[in-house]
């Protein structure tokens, strides 16, 4: 199952809305020191949770499917060469890229050298899956047939 254009737009708009609710632009957060960046990410994730509070199982599953695909699509050796990290560390680095919003994601996708080194956001990797589990007692079944885990995208590692 693939994401619809509406699901993809909703996902990125939700990310932007969560950042807007924190009062911090992602670009400003990127320029922060490590401790300040962590605080910005915590505030962003709290807002993302609040904005998702009333979503149905189907809505959370659709958002998780978009996140899964976004993480999968940037699962590439050339990006890991920039961000570094073990398999888990690289997944968390990709979570950070997604959390920073569509502009940053697209910039890194086009040119991995645009990625920050040593930045991660582990919670973003399975954010909507965990929300679904907390609210509905099970993890969503995206039906995508892909994995967000590192080195699972054969096109990115050939």
C-alpha atoms as a PDB file:
ATOM      1  CA  UNK A   1       0.000   0.000   0.000  1.00  0.00           C
ATOM      2  CA  UNK A   2       1.333   3.441  -0.881  1.00  0.00           C
ATOM      3  CA  UNK A   3       0.643   6.848   0.569  1.00  0.00           C
ATOM      4  CA  UNK A   4      -1.703   9.194  -1.204  1.00  0.00           C
ATOM      5  CA  UNK A   5      -0.585  12.703  -2.167  1.00  0.00           C
ATOM      6  CA  UNK A   6      -3.042  13.961   0.463  1.00  0.00           C
ATOM      7  CA  UNK A   7      -1.421  11.800   3.173  1.00  0.00           C
ATOM      8  CA  UNK A   8       2.029  13.050   2.189  1.00  0.00           C
ATOM      9  CA  UNK A   9       0.893  16.690   2.232  1.00  0.00           C
ATOM     10  CA  UNK A  10      -0.824  16.173   5.593  1.00  0.00           C
ATOM     11  CA  UNK A  11       2.324  14.622   7.047  1.00  0.00           C
ATOM     12  CA  UNK A  12       4.619  17.487   6.031  1.00  0.00           C
ATOM     13  CA  UNK A  13       2.030  20.105   7.015  1.00  0.00           C
ATOM     14  CA  UNK A  14       1.722  18.477  10.424  1.00  0.00           C
ATOM     15  CA  UNK A  15       5.505  18.589  10.859  1.00  0.00           C
ATOM     16  CA  UNK A  16       5.502  22.294   9.906  1.00  0.00           C
ATOM     17  CA  UNK A  17       2.572  23.014  12.241  1.00  0.00           C
ATOM     18  CA  UNK A  18       4.324  21.320  15.156  1.00  0.00           C
ATOM     19  CA  UNK A  19       7.425  23.442  14.579  1.00  0.00           C
ATOM     20  CA  UNK A  20       5.306  26.584  14.274  1.00  0.00           C
ATOM     21  CA  UNK A  21       3.609  25.759  17.582  1.00  0.00           C
ATOM     22  CA  UNK A  22       7.009  25.684  19.299  1.00  0.00           C
ATOM     23  CA  UNK A  23       7.798  29.205  18.139  1.00  0.00           C
ATOM     24  CA  UNK A  24      11.070  27.972  16.635  1.00  0.00           C
ATOM     25  CA  UNK A  25      11.813  27.550  12.964  1.00  0.00           C
ATOM     26  CA  UNK A  26      13.607  24.286  12.091  1.00  0.00           C
ATOM     27  CA  UNK A  27      16.417  26.303  10.461  1.00  0.00           C
ATOM     28  CA  UNK A  28      16.981  28.151  13.739  1.00  0.00           C
ATOM     29  CA  UNK A  29      16.933  24.861  15.659  1.00  0.00           C
ATOM     30  CA  UNK A  30      19.597  23.509  13.295  1.00  0.00           C
ATOM     31  CA  UNK A  31      21.932  26.337  14.306  1.00  0.00           C
ATOM     32  CA  UNK A  32      21.509  25.553  18.015  1.00  0.00           C
ATOM     33  CA  UNK A  33      24.016  23.945  20.284  1.00  0.00           C
ATOM     34  CA  UNK A  34      23.463  20.244  20.916  1.00  0.00           C
ATOM     35  CA  UNK A  35      21.653  20.747  24.232  1.00  0.00           C
ATOM     36  CA  UNK A  36      19.441  23.489  22.818  1.00  0.00           C
ATOM     37  CA  UNK A  37      18.698  21.370  19.748  1.00  0.00           C
ATOM     38  CA  UNK A  38      17.553  18.516  21.983  1.00  0.00           C
ATOM     39  CA  UNK A  39      15.228  20.929  23.821  1.00  0.00           C
ATOM     40  CA  UNK A  40      13.816  22.165  20.494  1.00  0.00           C
ATOM     41  CA  UNK A  41      13.229  18.580  19.353  1.00  0.00           C
ATOM     42  CA  UNK A  42      11.494  17.703  22.626  1.00  0.00           C
ATOM     43  CA  UNK A  43       9.186  20.715  22.240  1.00  0.00           C
ATOM     44  CA  UNK A  44       8.532  19.809  18.597  1.00  0.00           C
ATOM     45  CA  UNK A  45       7.645  16.200  19.460  1.00  0.00           C
ATOM     46  CA  UNK A  46       5.366  17.339  22.284  1.00  0.00           C
ATOM     47  CA  UNK A  47       3.529  19.618  19.854  1.00  0.00           C
ATOM     48  CA  UNK A  48       3.368  16.847  17.261  1.00  0.00           C
ATOM     49  CA  UNK A  49       1.748  14.589  19.851  1.00  0.00           C
ATOM     50  CA  UNK A  50      -0.744  17.294  20.819  1.00  0.00           C
ATOM     51  CA  UNK A  51      -1.651  17.990  17.192  1.00  0.00           C
ATOM     52  CA  UNK A  52      -2.215  14.241  16.643  1.00  0.00           C
ATOM     53  CA  UNK A  53      -4.295  13.738  19.789  1.00  0.00           C
ATOM     54  CA  UNK A  54      -7.618  13.118  18.077  1.00  0.00           C
ATOM     55  CA  UNK A  55      -6.434  11.154  15.060  1.00  0.00           C
ATOM     56  CA  UNK A  56      -8.091   7.872  14.217  1.00  0.00           C
ATOM     57  CA  UNK A  57      -6.304   4.576  13.772  1.00  0.00           C
ATOM     58  CA  UNK A  58      -6.489   5.006   9.999  1.00  0.00           C
ATOM     59  CA  UNK A  59      -5.047   8.527  10.178  1.00  0.00           C
ATOM     60  CA  UNK A  60      -2.128   7.485  12.388  1.00  0.00           C
ATOM     61  CA  UNK A  61      -1.465   4.491  10.147  1.00  0.00           C
ATOM     62  CA  UNK A  62      -1.404   6.748   7.089  1.00  0.00           C
ATOM     63  CA  UNK A  63       1.052   9.125   8.794  1.00  0.00           C
ATOM     64  CA  UNK A  64       3.235   6.215   9.878  1.00  0.00           C
ATOM     65  CA  UNK A  65       3.247   4.941   6.291  1.00  0.00           C
ATOM     66  CA  UNK A  66       4.488   8.344   5.061  1.00  0.00           C
ATOM     67  CA  UNK A  67       7.191   8.433   7.736  1.00  0.00           C
ATOM     68  CA  UNK A  68       8.237   4.897   6.870  1.00  0.00           C
ATOM     69  CA  UNK A  69       8.565   5.768   3.171  1.00  0.00           C
ATOM     70  CA  UNK A  70      10.436   9.009   3.908  1.00  0.00           C
ATOM     71  CA  UNK A  71      12.950   7.130   6.049  1.00  0.00           C
ATOM     72  CA  UNK A  72      13.266   4.366   3.460  1.00  0.00           C
ATOM     73  CA  UNK A  73      13.841   6.740   0.562  1.00  0.00           C
ATOM     74  CA  UNK A  74      16.852   8.394   2.230  1.00  0.00           C
ATOM     75  CA  UNK A  75      18.308   5.070   3.388  1.00  0.00           C
ATOM     76  CA  UNK A  76      21.452   5.411   1.273  1.00  0.00           C
ATOM     77  CA  UNK A  77      25.125   4.669   1.787  1.00  0.00           C
ATOM     78  CA  UNK A  78      26.113   8.113   0.503  1.00  0.00           C
ATOM     79  CA  UNK A  79      24.033   9.737   3.248  1.00  0.00           C
ATOM     80  CA  UNK A  80      25.382   7.450   5.951  1.00  0.00           C
ATOM     81  CA  UNK A  81      28.889   8.465   4.876  1.00  0.00           C
ATOM     82  CA  UNK A  82      27.965  12.036   5.875  1.00  0.00           C
ATOM     83  CA  UNK A  83      25.899  11.402   9.018  1.00  0.00           C
ATOM     84  CA  UNK A  84      27.871   8.438  10.292  1.00  0.00           C
ATOM     85  CA  UNK A  85      26.482   6.085  12.874  1.00  0.00           C
ATOM     86  CA  UNK A  86      25.799   2.418  13.294  1.00  0.00           C
ATOM     87  CA  UNK A  87      22.674   0.948  11.743  1.00  0.00           C
ATOM     88  CA  UNK A  88      20.578   2.297  14.630  1.00  0.00           C
ATOM     89  CA  UNK A  89      22.490   5.576  14.655  1.00  0.00           C
ATOM     90  CA  UNK A  90      21.883   6.057  10.953  1.00  0.00           C
ATOM     91  CA  UNK A  91      18.157   5.361  11.400  1.00  0.00           C
ATOM     92  CA  UNK A  92      18.050   8.009  14.150  1.00  0.00           C
ATOM     93  CA  UNK A  93      19.952  10.461  11.905  1.00  0.00           C
ATOM     94  CA  UNK A  94      17.316   9.897   9.212  1.00  0.00           C
ATOM     95  CA  UNK A  95      14.650  10.466  11.871  1.00  0.00           C
ATOM     96  CA  UNK A  96      16.261  13.838  12.540  1.00  0.00           C
ATOM     97  CA  UNK A  97      16.189  14.682   8.841  1.00  0.00           C
ATOM     98  CA  UNK A  98      12.460  13.921   8.694  1.00  0.00           C
ATOM     99  CA  UNK A  99      11.793  15.846  11.921  1.00  0.00           C
ATOM    100  CA  UNK A 100      13.438  18.965  10.502  1.00  0.00           C
ATOM    101  CA  UNK A 101      10.701  19.256   7.888  1.00  0.00           C
ATOM    102  CA  UNK A 102      10.208  18.977   4.174  1.00  0.00           C
ATOM    103  CA  UNK A 103      12.628  21.703   3.058  1.00  0.00           C
ATOM    104  CA  UNK A 104      15.510  20.159   4.987  1.00  0.00           C
ATOM    105  CA  UNK A 105      14.495  16.644   3.964  1.00  0.00           C
ATOM    106  CA  UNK A 106      14.382  17.605   0.281  1.00  0.00           C
ATOM    107  CA  UNK A 107      17.737  19.415   0.519  1.00  0.00           C
ATOM    108  CA  UNK A 108      19.415  16.369   2.108  1.00  0.00           C
ATOM    109  CA  UNK A 109      17.720  14.016  -0.335  1.00  0.00           C
ATOM    110  CA  UNK A 110      19.088  16.066  -3.253  1.00  0.00           C
ATOM    111  CA  UNK A 111      22.549  16.514  -1.725  1.00  0.00           C
ATOM    112  CA  UNK A 112      23.541  14.402   1.293  1.00  0.00           C
ATOM    113  CA  UNK A 113      26.300  16.908   2.080  1.00  0.00           C
ATOM    114  CA  UNK A 114      23.524  19.204   3.355  1.00  0.00           C
ATOM    115  CA  UNK A 115      22.938  16.828   6.287  1.00  0.00           C
ATOM    116  CA  UNK A 116      24.022  17.659   9.802  1.00  0.00           C
ATOM    117  CA  UNK A 117      26.490  15.314  11.382  1.00  0.00           C
ATOM    118  CA  UNK A 118      25.919  13.877  14.833  1.00  0.00           C
ATOM    119  CA  UNK A 119      22.246  14.905  14.939  1.00  0.00           C
ATOM    120  CA  UNK A 120      19.524  12.400  15.676  1.00  0.00           C
ATOM    121  CA  UNK A 121      15.866  12.088  16.567  1.00  0.00           C
ATOM    122  CA  UNK A 122      15.184   8.499  17.532  1.00  0.00           C
ATOM    123  CA  UNK A 123      11.572   9.157  18.545  1.00  0.00           C
ATOM    124  CA  UNK A 124      10.651  10.443  15.070  1.00  0.00           C
ATOM    125  CA  UNK A 125      11.494   7.095  13.458  1.00  0.00           C
ATOM    126  CA  UNK A 126       8.447   5.339  14.928  1.00  0.00           C
ATOM    127  CA  UNK A 127       6.571   8.347  16.313  1.00  0.00           C
ATOM    128  CA  UNK A 128       3.183   7.661  14.742  1.00  0.00           C
ATOM    129  CA  UNK A 129       3.513   3.906  15.255  1.00  0.00           C
ATOM    130  CA  UNK A 130       4.049   4.445  18.984  1.00  0.00           C
ATOM    131  CA  UNK A 131       1.124   6.884  19.178  1.00  0.00           C
ATOM    132  CA  UNK A 132      -1.032   4.279  17.467  1.00  0.00           C
ATOM    133  CA  UNK A 133       0.105   1.603  19.903  1.00  0.00           C
ATOM    134  CA  UNK A 134      -0.537   3.847  22.919  1.00  0.00           C
ATOM    135  CA  UNK A 135      -4.047   4.743  21.753  1.00  0.00           C
ATOM    136  CA  UNK A 136      -5.232   1.545  20.081  1.00  0.00           C
ATOM    137  CA  UNK A 137      -3.175  -1.194  21.747  1.00  0.00           C
ATOM    138  CA  UNK A 138      -1.301  -2.323  18.658  1.00  0.00           C
ATOM    139  CA  UNK A 139       1.228  -1.100  16.169  1.00  0.00           C
ATOM    140  CA  UNK A 140      -0.206  -0.099  12.791  1.00  0.00           C
ATOM    141  CA  UNK A 141       0.106  -2.386   9.835  1.00  0.00           C
ATOM    142  CA  UNK A 142       1.198  -0.083   7.019  1.00  0.00           C
ATOM    143  CA  UNK A 143       0.972  -2.726   4.302  1.00  0.00           C
ATOM    144  CA  UNK A 144       3.873  -1.076   2.507  1.00  0.00           C
ATOM    145  CA  UNK A 145       6.188  -4.065   2.343  1.00  0.00           C
ATOM    146  CA  UNK A 146       9.193  -1.849   3.151  1.00  0.00           C
ATOM    147  CA  UNK A 147      11.284  -1.331   6.252  1.00  0.00           C
ATOM    148  CA  UNK A 148      12.598   1.880   7.726  1.00  0.00           C
ATOM    149  CA  UNK A 149      15.570   0.087   9.241  1.00  0.00           C
ATOM    150  CA  UNK A 150      19.034   0.994   7.956  1.00  0.00           C
ATOM    151  CA  UNK A 151      20.392  -0.712   4.841  1.00  0.00           C
ATOM    152  CA  UNK A 152      16.959  -2.062   3.908  1.00  0.00           C
ATOM    153  CA  UNK A 153      16.620  -0.010   0.705  1.00  0.00           C
ATOM    154  CA  UNK A 154      18.594  -2.015  -1.885  1.00  0.00           C
ATOM    155  CA  UNK A 155      18.721   0.926  -4.313  1.00  0.00           C
ATOM    156  CA  UNK A 156      20.532   3.010  -1.704  1.00  0.00           C
ATOM    157  CA  UNK A 157      23.202   0.442  -0.960  1.00  0.00           C
ATOM    158  CA  UNK A 158      24.174  -0.915  -4.376  1.00  0.00           C
END
